[in-house]
Protein backbone atom coordinates (compact mmCIF):
# COMPACT_ATOMS: atom_id res chain seq x y z
CA MET A 1 -2.59 -10.49 0.53
CA HIS A 2 -5.92 -9.69 -1.19
CA ILE A 3 -8.50 -11.06 -3.53
CA GLU A 4 -9.29 -9.68 -6.83
CA ILE A 5 -12.29 -10.87 -8.66
CA ARG A 6 -11.85 -10.78 -12.38
CA GLY A 7 -15.00 -10.28 -14.52
CA ALA A 8 -16.82 -8.71 -11.47
CA GLU A 9 -18.66 -6.21 -13.85
CA ARG A 10 -20.54 -9.10 -14.97
CA LEU A 11 -21.98 -9.88 -11.48
CA SER A 12 -24.75 -7.95 -9.90
CA LEU A 13 -23.91 -6.13 -6.52
CA ARG A 14 -25.36 -8.97 -4.24
CA GLU A 15 -23.57 -11.67 -6.42
CA ARG A 16 -20.30 -9.74 -5.85
CA GLN A 17 -21.00 -9.84 -2.00
CA VAL A 18 -21.55 -13.36 -1.97
CA VAL A 19 -18.65 -14.39 -4.26
CA VAL A 20 -16.03 -12.18 -2.03
CA LEU A 21 -17.67 -13.65 1.23
CA ARG A 22 -17.72 -17.37 -0.09
CA GLU A 23 -14.14 -16.95 -1.85
CA SER A 24 -12.72 -15.82 1.49
CA GLY A 25 -14.12 -19.10 3.16
CA TYR A 26 -17.28 -18.26 4.54
CA SER A 27 -20.13 -20.80 4.60
CA ASN A 28 -23.31 -20.33 2.97
CA GLN A 29 -25.03 -20.02 6.51
CA ALA A 30 -22.25 -17.70 7.66
CA VAL A 31 -22.80 -15.42 4.42
CA ALA A 32 -26.46 -15.62 4.75
CA LYS A 33 -26.37 -14.31 8.48
CA ARG A 34 -24.01 -11.59 7.62
CA LEU A 35 -26.08 -10.54 4.35
CA LYS A 36 -29.34 -10.87 6.16
CA ILE A 37 -30.72 -13.54 3.53
CA SER A 38 -31.40 -17.19 3.38
CA ALA A 39 -28.73 -19.89 2.85
CA GLY A 40 -30.68 -20.92 -0.45
CA THR A 41 -30.54 -17.44 -1.62
CA VAL A 42 -26.63 -17.32 -1.05
CA ALA A 43 -26.44 -20.65 -2.99
CA THR A 44 -28.40 -19.27 -5.85
CA LEU A 45 -26.69 -16.10 -6.13
CA PHE A 46 -23.09 -18.02 -5.77
CA ASN A 47 -24.15 -20.46 -8.62
CA ARG A 48 -25.59 -17.64 -10.84
CA ALA A 49 -22.24 -15.91 -10.27
CA LYS A 50 -20.11 -19.11 -11.32
CA ARG A 51 -22.18 -19.45 -14.52
CA LYS A 52 -21.09 -15.96 -15.32
CA ALA A 53 -17.39 -17.02 -15.48
CA TYR A 54 -15.60 -14.74 -12.87
CA GLN A 55 -12.25 -15.37 -11.84
CA VAL A 56 -10.65 -15.29 -8.35
CA VAL A 57 -7.01 -13.84 -8.23
CA ILE A 58 -5.09 -14.00 -4.89
CA VAL A 59 -2.67 -11.28 -4.99
CA LEU A 60 0.16 -11.73 -2.43
CA ASP A 61 2.08 -8.66 -1.32
CA GLY A 62 5.87 -8.95 -1.30
CA ASP A 63 7.33 -12.50 -1.32
CA PRO A 64 5.79 -14.43 1.68
CA LEU A 65 6.61 -17.86 0.16
CA ALA A 66 10.33 -16.60 -0.18
CA LEU A 67 10.39 -17.95 -3.93
CA PHE A 68 12.52 -14.89 -4.91
CA GLU A 69 14.83 -14.42 -2.05
CA PRO A 70 18.55 -14.14 -3.17
CA GLU A 71 20.41 -16.99 -2.50
CA ASP A 72 22.99 -17.32 0.07
CA VAL A 73 25.89 -15.95 -1.92
CA ASP A 74 28.59 -13.45 -0.66
CA GLU A 75 27.93 -10.35 -2.73
CA SER A 76 31.49 -9.85 -3.57
CA GLU A 77 31.65 -13.44 -5.01
CA ALA A 78 28.46 -12.70 -7.03
CA ASP A 79 30.00 -9.35 -8.48
CA GLU A 80 33.06 -11.41 -9.35
CA ALA A 81 31.34 -14.14 -11.17
CA ILE A 82 29.41 -11.50 -13.17
CA GLU A 83 32.46 -9.81 -14.13
CA GLY A 84 34.42 -12.73 -14.86
CA GLU A 85 31.54 -14.06 -17.26
CA ALA A 86 31.30 -10.68 -19.11
CA ALA A 87 35.27 -10.69 -19.54
CA GLY A 88 35.56 -14.16 -20.76
CA SER A 89 32.61 -14.48 -23.06
CA SER A 90 32.83 -12.24 -25.99
CA ASP A 91 30.78 -13.59 -28.98
CA ILE A 92 32.69 -10.88 -31.22
CA ASP A 93 35.03 -12.55 -33.71
CA PRO A 94 37.55 -10.00 -34.51
CA ASP A 95 38.47 -11.52 -37.78
CA VAL A 96 34.83 -11.00 -39.03
CA PRO A 97 33.92 -7.44 -40.30
CA SER A 98 30.98 -5.60 -38.57
CA ALA A 99 27.52 -5.53 -40.12
CA SER A 100 28.10 -1.75 -40.80
CA GLY A 101 31.23 -2.58 -43.10
CA GLY A 102 33.39 -0.23 -41.01
CA GLU A 103 36.10 -1.33 -38.22
CA MET A 104 35.08 -1.67 -34.63
CA PRO A 105 36.62 0.87 -32.27
């Protein structure tokens, strides 16, 4: 997982530092200690950055929430179902000529 900040080009370097740390869960006091500035300055920088309308996007690597895992279906059953659908669902009416006017092969 990693965090992307969209609109970061509108932020100063110090605002970006504060935003990354604050959005990562650090308190104003923890950010202040890490950046060697006052907690009031952290709050000011964070509020100024919010007014510049940045967006935080959390990018999850892979599928950690298991939302896209294949269902518990045997592969051979799935293949047979797909083949059966393809064979039985033809939208082509043999009595209707094709758009090109020629006969279909």
